[in-house]
Amino acid sequence: MSSIGAKDKVRTGANFAIVEMGAVEDLDQYSVSKGDFLLKGKVFLREILDLTAMEVSMNKLAAGDGGRWKHCHVQNEEVYVFLDGKGQMQVDGEIFEVHSGTAVRVDVNGKRSIRNNSSDPLYYVCIQAKANSLQQCSWNDATFPKEKPEW
């Protein structure tokens, strides 16, 4: 799938890429497409920011939207971090409520679906990475150069 509308807003440096997409409330200005399939309110960041180890999507699900299909992955686990709004998520037939502050990890084979069964938009970030590939993270992967920030 390719993201429509954000690629032209990228600025890069030697060791960074940044995109200014606007407020999460305005995510419906973006969409993703694959063939004839068009999904509004979603932007994938892997292609836009040249990510090499994960895919990240920013998502806005309108009131009453979603829940029309299930999907699962071949290699990637996912974590969904819900930022605002309320809705439901289903994994392998188990349904649970999601809202601001909820984080859900779904294994590769988990059949998942999200729906917004509320009257307000549902905002979330989805991060996917190859299952069982994390070698080190957080403090174990950090170094601290001696120079101070140049604020």
N, C-alpha and C. Protein backbone atom coordinates (compact mmCIF):
# COMPACT_ATOMS: atom_id res chain seq x y z
N MET A 1 0.84 -1.17 0.00
CA MET A 1 0.00 0.00 0.00
C MET A 1 0.88 1.24 0.00
N SER A 2 0.45 2.24 -0.65
CA SER A 2 1.20 3.48 -0.63
C SER A 2 0.36 4.58 0.01
N SER A 3 1.05 5.47 0.75
CA SER A 3 0.37 6.59 1.40
C SER A 3 0.25 7.74 0.43
N ILE A 4 -0.88 8.39 0.45
CA ILE A 4 -1.15 9.50 -0.45
C ILE A 4 -1.21 10.78 0.37
N GLY A 5 -0.41 11.77 0.01
CA GLY A 5 -0.55 13.09 0.59
C GLY A 5 0.52 13.55 1.55
N ALA A 6 1.45 12.70 1.99
CA ALA A 6 2.42 13.14 2.99
C ALA A 6 3.86 13.15 2.48
N LYS A 7 4.17 12.42 1.43
CA LYS A 7 5.56 12.28 0.98
C LYS A 7 6.20 13.62 0.65
N ASP A 8 5.44 14.58 0.16
CA ASP A 8 6.00 15.88 -0.21
C ASP A 8 6.25 16.79 0.98
N LYS A 9 5.96 16.32 2.21
CA LYS A 9 6.13 17.13 3.41
C LYS A 9 7.33 16.68 4.24
N VAL A 10 8.26 15.93 3.64
CA VAL A 10 9.40 15.35 4.36
C VAL A 10 10.62 16.24 4.24
N ARG A 11 11.34 16.37 5.36
CA ARG A 11 12.64 17.05 5.37
C ARG A 11 13.63 16.06 5.96
N THR A 12 14.83 15.97 5.36
CA THR A 12 15.82 15.01 5.82
C THR A 12 17.14 15.69 6.13
N GLY A 13 17.91 15.04 6.98
CA GLY A 13 19.28 15.42 7.30
C GLY A 13 20.14 14.19 7.23
N ALA A 14 21.38 14.31 7.62
CA ALA A 14 22.30 13.18 7.54
C ALA A 14 21.80 11.97 8.34
N ASN A 15 21.18 12.23 9.50
CA ASN A 15 20.76 11.13 10.37
C ASN A 15 19.31 11.24 10.83
N PHE A 16 18.47 11.88 10.04
CA PHE A 16 17.06 11.98 10.42
C PHE A 16 16.18 12.23 9.20
N ALA A 17 14.90 11.96 9.40
CA ALA A 17 13.85 12.35 8.46
C ALA A 17 12.68 12.80 9.31
N ILE A 18 12.02 13.88 8.91
CA ILE A 18 10.89 14.42 9.67
C ILE A 18 9.77 14.76 8.71
N VAL A 19 8.56 14.44 9.11
CA VAL A 19 7.40 14.80 8.31
C VAL A 19 6.42 15.53 9.22
N GLU A 20 5.90 16.63 8.76
CA GLU A 20 4.89 17.41 9.48
C GLU A 20 3.55 17.10 8.84
N MET A 21 2.76 16.26 9.51
CA MET A 21 1.49 15.82 8.95
C MET A 21 0.31 16.61 9.44
N GLY A 22 0.52 17.45 10.46
CA GLY A 22 -0.59 18.19 11.06
C GLY A 22 -1.13 17.46 12.26
N ALA A 23 -2.20 17.99 12.81
CA ALA A 23 -2.82 17.41 14.00
C ALA A 23 -3.50 16.09 13.67
N VAL A 24 -3.59 15.22 14.68
CA VAL A 24 -4.23 13.92 14.45
C VAL A 24 -5.67 14.08 14.00
N GLU A 25 -6.32 15.16 14.43
CA GLU A 25 -7.69 15.39 14.02
C GLU A 25 -7.80 15.55 12.50
N ASP A 26 -6.69 15.93 11.86
CA ASP A 26 -6.69 16.16 10.42
C ASP A 26 -6.16 14.99 9.60
N LEU A 27 -6.02 13.82 10.22
CA LEU A 27 -5.50 12.65 9.49
C LEU A 27 -6.38 12.24 8.32
N ASP A 28 -7.64 12.64 8.31
CA ASP A 28 -8.50 12.24 7.20
C ASP A 28 -8.12 12.91 5.89
N GLN A 29 -7.15 13.82 5.90
CA GLN A 29 -6.63 14.38 4.65
C GLN A 29 -5.71 13.39 3.93
N TYR A 30 -5.34 12.30 4.63
CA TYR A 30 -4.47 11.29 4.06
C TYR A 30 -5.25 10.01 3.78
N SER A 31 -4.71 9.20 2.90
CA SER A 31 -5.32 7.91 2.62
C SER A 31 -4.23 6.97 2.11
N VAL A 32 -4.53 5.69 2.16
CA VAL A 32 -3.64 4.69 1.58
C VAL A 32 -4.42 3.93 0.52
N SER A 33 -3.69 3.48 -0.49
CA SER A 33 -4.37 2.76 -1.56
C SER A 33 -3.55 1.55 -1.98
N LYS A 34 -4.26 0.55 -2.45
CA LYS A 34 -3.66 -0.63 -3.08
C LYS A 34 -4.67 -1.08 -4.12
N GLY A 35 -4.30 -0.91 -5.38
CA GLY A 35 -5.25 -1.21 -6.45
C GLY A 35 -6.46 -0.31 -6.32
N ASP A 36 -7.64 -0.90 -6.31
CA ASP A 36 -8.88 -0.14 -6.18
C ASP A 36 -9.26 0.14 -4.72
N PHE A 37 -8.48 -0.38 -3.79
CA PHE A 37 -8.78 -0.24 -2.36
C PHE A 37 -8.24 1.09 -1.86
N LEU A 38 -9.10 1.90 -1.25
CA LEU A 38 -8.71 3.21 -0.70
C LEU A 38 -9.20 3.29 0.73
N LEU A 39 -8.28 3.61 1.65
CA LEU A 39 -8.61 3.73 3.06
C LEU A 39 -8.24 5.13 3.53
N LYS A 40 -9.26 5.92 3.91
CA LYS A 40 -9.03 7.30 4.35
C LYS A 40 -8.64 7.34 5.83
N GLY A 41 -7.89 8.41 6.20
CA GLY A 41 -7.53 8.61 7.58
C GLY A 41 -6.35 7.78 8.04
N LYS A 42 -5.54 7.32 7.11
CA LYS A 42 -4.41 6.45 7.44
C LYS A 42 -3.20 6.89 6.65
N VAL A 43 -2.05 6.90 7.31
CA VAL A 43 -0.80 7.20 6.62
C VAL A 43 0.28 6.25 7.14
N PHE A 44 0.95 5.55 6.23
CA PHE A 44 2.08 4.68 6.56
C PHE A 44 3.36 5.50 6.53
N LEU A 45 4.23 5.31 7.52
CA LEU A 45 5.44 6.11 7.63
C LEU A 45 6.70 5.44 7.12
N ARG A 46 6.70 4.13 6.88
CA ARG A 46 7.91 3.43 6.44
C ARG A 46 8.48 4.04 5.18
N GLU A 47 7.67 4.18 4.18
CA GLU A 47 8.11 4.74 2.90
C GLU A 47 8.45 6.23 3.02
N ILE A 48 7.63 6.95 3.75
CA ILE A 48 7.81 8.40 3.87
C ILE A 48 9.10 8.76 4.60
N LEU A 49 9.40 8.03 5.69
CA LEU A 49 10.58 8.33 6.51
C LEU A 49 11.75 7.39 6.23
N ASP A 50 11.61 6.50 5.25
CA ASP A 50 12.65 5.52 4.92
C ASP A 50 13.00 4.64 6.12
N LEU A 51 11.99 4.16 6.84
CA LEU A 51 12.21 3.27 7.98
C LEU A 51 12.77 1.95 7.47
N THR A 52 13.66 1.33 8.24
CA THR A 52 14.29 0.08 7.80
C THR A 52 13.99 -1.11 8.71
N ALA A 53 13.36 -0.89 9.85
CA ALA A 53 13.16 -1.99 10.79
C ALA A 53 11.72 -2.15 11.24
N MET A 54 10.82 -1.27 10.78
CA MET A 54 9.44 -1.34 11.23
C MET A 54 8.55 -0.59 10.26
N GLU A 55 7.27 -0.83 10.37
CA GLU A 55 6.26 -0.02 9.70
C GLU A 55 5.45 0.64 10.80
N VAL A 56 5.12 1.90 10.62
CA VAL A 56 4.31 2.64 11.57
C VAL A 56 3.20 3.32 10.78
N SER A 57 1.99 3.23 11.28
CA SER A 57 0.90 3.97 10.64
C SER A 57 0.20 4.82 11.68
N MET A 58 -0.22 6.01 11.23
CA MET A 58 -1.05 6.91 12.02
C MET A 58 -2.47 6.73 11.48
N ASN A 59 -3.45 6.65 12.38
CA ASN A 59 -4.79 6.27 11.97
C ASN A 59 -5.88 7.10 12.63
N LYS A 60 -6.87 7.46 11.84
CA LYS A 60 -8.09 8.09 12.34
C LYS A 60 -9.26 7.27 11.80
N LEU A 61 -10.02 6.72 12.70
CA LEU A 61 -11.18 5.93 12.32
C LEU A 61 -12.43 6.73 12.70
N ALA A 62 -13.19 7.11 11.70
CA ALA A 62 -14.38 7.95 11.91
C ALA A 62 -15.41 7.23 12.76
N ALA A 63 -16.29 8.00 13.40
CA ALA A 63 -17.37 7.43 14.20
C ALA A 63 -18.17 6.44 13.37
N GLY A 64 -18.39 5.26 13.93
CA GLY A 64 -19.18 4.24 13.25
C GLY A 64 -18.44 3.46 12.18
N ASP A 65 -17.16 3.74 11.96
CA ASP A 65 -16.41 3.10 10.87
C ASP A 65 -15.60 1.90 11.38
N GLY A 66 -15.15 1.10 10.43
CA GLY A 66 -14.26 -0.02 10.73
C GLY A 66 -15.00 -1.33 10.92
N GLY A 67 -14.24 -2.36 11.24
CA GLY A 67 -14.81 -3.66 11.53
C GLY A 67 -15.34 -4.41 10.33
N ARG A 68 -14.96 -4.00 9.12
CA ARG A 68 -15.49 -4.64 7.91
C ARG A 68 -14.69 -5.87 7.49
N TRP A 69 -13.46 -6.02 7.99
CA TRP A 69 -12.63 -7.17 7.62
C TRP A 69 -11.69 -7.49 8.77
N LYS A 70 -11.13 -8.70 8.71
CA LYS A 70 -10.06 -9.13 9.61
C LYS A 70 -8.79 -9.22 8.78
N HIS A 71 -7.65 -9.12 9.45
CA HIS A 71 -6.39 -9.38 8.76
C HIS A 71 -5.40 -9.99 9.75
N CYS A 72 -4.39 -10.62 9.22
CA CYS A 72 -3.27 -11.13 10.02
C CYS A 72 -2.01 -10.94 9.18
N HIS A 73 -0.86 -11.24 9.75
CA HIS A 73 0.41 -11.03 9.05
C HIS A 73 1.18 -12.33 8.91
N VAL A 74 2.13 -12.33 8.01
CA VAL A 74 2.97 -13.50 7.76
C VAL A 74 4.20 -13.47 8.66
N GLN A 75 4.85 -12.28 8.80
CA GLN A 75 6.08 -12.17 9.58
C GLN A 75 6.01 -11.17 10.72
N ASN A 76 5.11 -10.20 10.66
CA ASN A 76 5.15 -9.07 11.58
C ASN A 76 4.13 -9.16 12.69
N GLU A 77 4.60 -8.93 13.94
CA GLU A 77 3.68 -8.69 15.04
C GLU A 77 3.34 -7.20 15.01
N GLU A 78 2.24 -6.84 15.66
CA GLU A 78 1.83 -5.44 15.69
C GLU A 78 1.53 -5.02 17.11
N VAL A 79 1.72 -3.73 17.38
CA VAL A 79 1.23 -3.12 18.61
C VAL A 79 0.39 -1.91 18.20
N TYR A 80 -0.79 -1.85 18.77
CA TYR A 80 -1.72 -0.75 18.54
C TYR A 80 -1.72 0.11 19.81
N VAL A 81 -1.47 1.40 19.66
CA VAL A 81 -1.48 2.33 20.79
C VAL A 81 -2.61 3.33 20.52
N PHE A 82 -3.63 3.27 21.35
CA PHE A 82 -4.81 4.12 21.16
C PHE A 82 -4.58 5.45 21.86
N LEU A 83 -4.73 6.53 21.10
CA LEU A 83 -4.41 7.87 21.58
C LEU A 83 -5.63 8.63 22.09
N ASP A 84 -6.77 8.48 21.40
CA ASP A 84 -7.97 9.22 21.78
C ASP A 84 -9.18 8.53 21.19
N GLY A 85 -10.31 8.68 21.84
CA GLY A 85 -11.55 8.07 21.37
C GLY A 85 -11.78 6.72 22.02
N LYS A 86 -12.84 6.06 21.57
CA LYS A 86 -13.23 4.76 22.11
C LYS A 86 -13.65 3.86 20.96
N GLY A 87 -13.44 2.58 21.13
CA GLY A 87 -13.87 1.63 20.12
C GLY A 87 -13.71 0.21 20.65
N GLN A 88 -13.68 -0.72 19.72
CA GLN A 88 -13.49 -2.13 20.06
C GLN A 88 -12.47 -2.74 19.13
N MET A 89 -11.77 -3.72 19.66
CA MET A 89 -10.84 -4.50 18.87
C MET A 89 -11.21 -5.96 19.06
N GLN A 90 -11.01 -6.73 17.99
CA GLN A 90 -11.29 -8.15 18.03
C GLN A 90 -10.03 -8.88 17.59
N VAL A 91 -9.60 -9.86 18.39
CA VAL A 91 -8.47 -10.71 18.03
C VAL A 91 -8.92 -12.15 18.23
N ASP A 92 -8.88 -12.92 17.16
CA ASP A 92 -9.29 -14.34 17.18
C ASP A 92 -10.67 -14.52 17.82
N GLY A 93 -11.58 -13.60 17.53
CA GLY A 93 -12.95 -13.72 18.02
C GLY A 93 -13.18 -13.13 19.40
N GLU A 94 -12.12 -12.77 20.13
CA GLU A 94 -12.29 -12.15 21.44
C GLU A 94 -12.40 -10.64 21.26
N ILE A 95 -13.46 -10.05 21.78
CA ILE A 95 -13.74 -8.62 21.61
C ILE A 95 -13.44 -7.91 22.92
N PHE A 96 -12.73 -6.77 22.83
CA PHE A 96 -12.44 -5.97 24.01
C PHE A 96 -12.50 -4.50 23.67
N GLU A 97 -12.78 -3.69 24.69
CA GLU A 97 -12.88 -2.24 24.54
C GLU A 97 -11.48 -1.64 24.46
N VAL A 98 -11.33 -0.59 23.63
CA VAL A 98 -10.08 0.15 23.53
C VAL A 98 -10.40 1.63 23.67
N HIS A 99 -9.46 2.38 24.21
CA HIS A 99 -9.64 3.82 24.43
C HIS A 99 -8.27 4.44 24.66
N SER A 100 -8.24 5.74 24.87
CA SER A 100 -7.00 6.45 25.12
C SER A 100 -6.21 5.76 26.22
N GLY A 101 -4.96 5.42 25.93
CA GLY A 101 -4.11 4.75 26.90
C GLY A 101 -4.06 3.25 26.77
N THR A 102 -4.87 2.65 25.91
CA THR A 102 -4.84 1.21 25.69
C THR A 102 -3.75 0.88 24.67
N ALA A 103 -2.96 -0.16 24.95
CA ALA A 103 -1.98 -0.68 24.00
C ALA A 103 -2.24 -2.18 23.85
N VAL A 104 -2.27 -2.66 22.62
CA VAL A 104 -2.57 -4.07 22.33
C VAL A 104 -1.49 -4.62 21.42
N ARG A 105 -0.85 -5.74 21.83
CA ARG A 105 0.09 -6.45 20.97
C ARG A 105 -0.66 -7.63 20.34
N VAL A 106 -0.45 -7.84 19.05
CA VAL A 106 -1.10 -8.95 18.35
C VAL A 106 -0.02 -9.77 17.66
N ASP A 107 -0.01 -11.07 17.92
CA ASP A 107 0.95 -11.98 17.29
C ASP A 107 0.71 -12.06 15.79
N VAL A 108 1.67 -12.63 15.11
CA VAL A 108 1.64 -12.76 13.65
C VAL A 108 0.31 -13.35 13.16
N ASN A 109 -0.09 -14.47 13.71
CA ASN A 109 -1.27 -15.18 13.20
C ASN A 109 -2.59 -14.70 13.78
N GLY A 110 -2.56 -13.73 14.68
CA GLY A 110 -3.81 -13.24 15.28
C GLY A 110 -4.68 -12.56 14.24
N LYS A 111 -5.91 -13.02 14.13
CA LYS A 111 -6.87 -12.42 13.19
C LYS A 111 -7.51 -11.23 13.89
N ARG A 112 -7.23 -10.00 13.38
CA ARG A 112 -7.60 -8.78 14.08
C ARG A 112 -8.50 -7.88 13.27
N SER A 113 -9.28 -7.09 13.99
CA SER A 113 -10.14 -6.08 13.39
C SER A 113 -10.40 -5.00 14.44
N ILE A 114 -10.59 -3.77 13.98
CA ILE A 114 -10.87 -2.64 14.86
C ILE A 114 -12.14 -1.97 14.35
N ARG A 115 -12.99 -1.55 15.28
CA ARG A 115 -14.13 -0.75 14.87
C ARG A 115 -14.34 0.39 15.86
N ASN A 116 -14.85 1.47 15.34
CA ASN A 116 -15.22 2.61 16.16
C ASN A 116 -16.73 2.56 16.33
N ASN A 117 -17.16 2.10 17.48
CA ASN A 117 -18.60 2.01 17.74
C ASN A 117 -19.08 3.18 18.60
N SER A 118 -18.32 4.28 18.55
CA SER A 118 -18.70 5.47 19.31
C SER A 118 -19.13 6.58 18.35
N SER A 119 -19.47 7.73 18.94
CA SER A 119 -19.91 8.87 18.12
C SER A 119 -18.79 9.88 17.86
N ASP A 120 -17.56 9.56 18.31
CA ASP A 120 -16.39 10.42 18.10
C ASP A 120 -15.31 9.65 17.36
N PRO A 121 -14.37 10.34 16.71
CA PRO A 121 -13.27 9.65 16.02
C PRO A 121 -12.41 8.84 16.99
N LEU A 122 -11.78 7.80 16.49
CA LEU A 122 -10.84 6.96 17.23
C LEU A 122 -9.47 7.13 16.59
N TYR A 123 -8.47 7.51 17.39
CA TYR A 123 -7.12 7.75 16.89
C TYR A 123 -6.17 6.72 17.48
N TYR A 124 -5.31 6.16 16.63
CA TYR A 124 -4.33 5.19 17.12
C TYR A 124 -3.11 5.13 16.21
N VAL A 125 -2.04 4.63 16.79
CA VAL A 125 -0.80 4.36 16.06
C VAL A 125 -0.63 2.86 16.03
N CYS A 126 -0.25 2.33 14.88
CA CYS A 126 0.04 0.90 14.76
C CYS A 126 1.50 0.75 14.34
N ILE A 127 2.24 -0.07 15.09
CA ILE A 127 3.65 -0.33 14.79
C ILE A 127 3.78 -1.82 14.51
N GLN A 128 4.42 -2.16 13.40
CA GLN A 128 4.66 -3.56 13.12
C GLN A 128 6.13 -3.79 12.84
N ALA A 129 6.62 -4.92 13.33
CA ALA A 129 8.01 -5.31 13.14
C ALA A 129 8.08 -6.83 13.09
N LYS A 130 9.12 -7.33 12.49
CA LYS A 130 9.28 -8.78 12.34
C LYS A 130 9.31 -9.44 13.72
N ALA A 131 8.45 -10.41 13.91
CA ALA A 131 8.35 -11.12 15.18
C ALA A 131 9.69 -11.76 15.54
N ASN A 132 10.04 -11.71 16.80
CA ASN A 132 11.24 -12.35 17.35
C ASN A 132 12.54 -11.82 16.77
N SER A 133 12.55 -10.59 16.26
CA SER A 133 13.77 -10.06 15.65
C SER A 133 14.50 -9.05 16.53
N LEU A 134 13.91 -8.61 17.62
CA LEU A 134 14.51 -7.59 18.46
C LEU A 134 15.71 -8.16 19.21
N GLN A 135 16.88 -7.61 18.96
CA GLN A 135 18.11 -8.09 19.58
C GLN A 135 18.47 -7.30 20.84
N GLN A 136 18.27 -6.00 20.81
CA GLN A 136 18.54 -5.15 21.95
C GLN A 136 17.68 -3.91 21.83
N CYS A 137 17.43 -3.25 22.95
CA CYS A 137 16.55 -2.08 22.92
C CYS A 137 16.80 -1.20 24.12
N SER A 138 16.15 -0.07 24.11
CA SER A 138 16.18 0.89 25.22
C SER A 138 17.60 1.17 25.67
N TRP A 139 17.85 1.08 26.98
CA TRP A 139 19.17 1.40 27.52
C TRP A 139 20.25 0.47 26.99
N ASN A 140 19.91 -0.76 26.65
CA ASN A 140 20.91 -1.71 26.15
C ASN A 140 21.43 -1.34 24.76
N ASP A 141 20.72 -0.48 24.06
CA ASP A 141 21.12 -0.09 22.71
C ASP A 141 21.57 1.37 22.65
N ALA A 142 21.63 2.04 23.79
CA ALA A 142 21.94 3.47 23.81
C ALA A 142 23.42 3.73 24.11
N THR A 143 23.96 4.77 23.47
CA THR A 143 25.26 5.31 23.84
C THR A 143 25.05 6.78 24.14
N PHE A 144 25.95 7.36 24.90
CA PHE A 144 25.80 8.75 25.31
C PHE A 144 27.06 9.54 24.96
N PRO A 145 27.07 10.19 23.77
CA PRO A 145 28.23 10.99 23.39
C PRO A 145 28.48 12.09 24.43
N LYS A 146 29.74 12.52 24.53
CA LYS A 146 30.13 13.50 25.55
C LYS A 146 29.59 14.91 25.27
N GLU A 147 29.35 15.24 23.99
CA GLU A 147 28.91 16.61 23.72
C GLU A 147 27.49 16.84 24.24
N LYS A 148 27.25 18.09 24.64
CA LYS A 148 25.95 18.50 25.17
C LYS A 148 25.06 18.97 24.01
N PRO A 149 23.74 18.95 24.22
CA PRO A 149 22.83 19.50 23.21
C PRO A 149 23.12 20.98 22.95
N GLU A 150 22.90 21.40 21.75
CA GLU A 150 23.17 22.78 21.35
C GLU A 150 21.87 23.56 21.22
N TRP A 151 21.16 23.72 22.31
CA TRP A 151 19.89 24.43 22.30
C TRP A 151 20.15 25.87 22.09
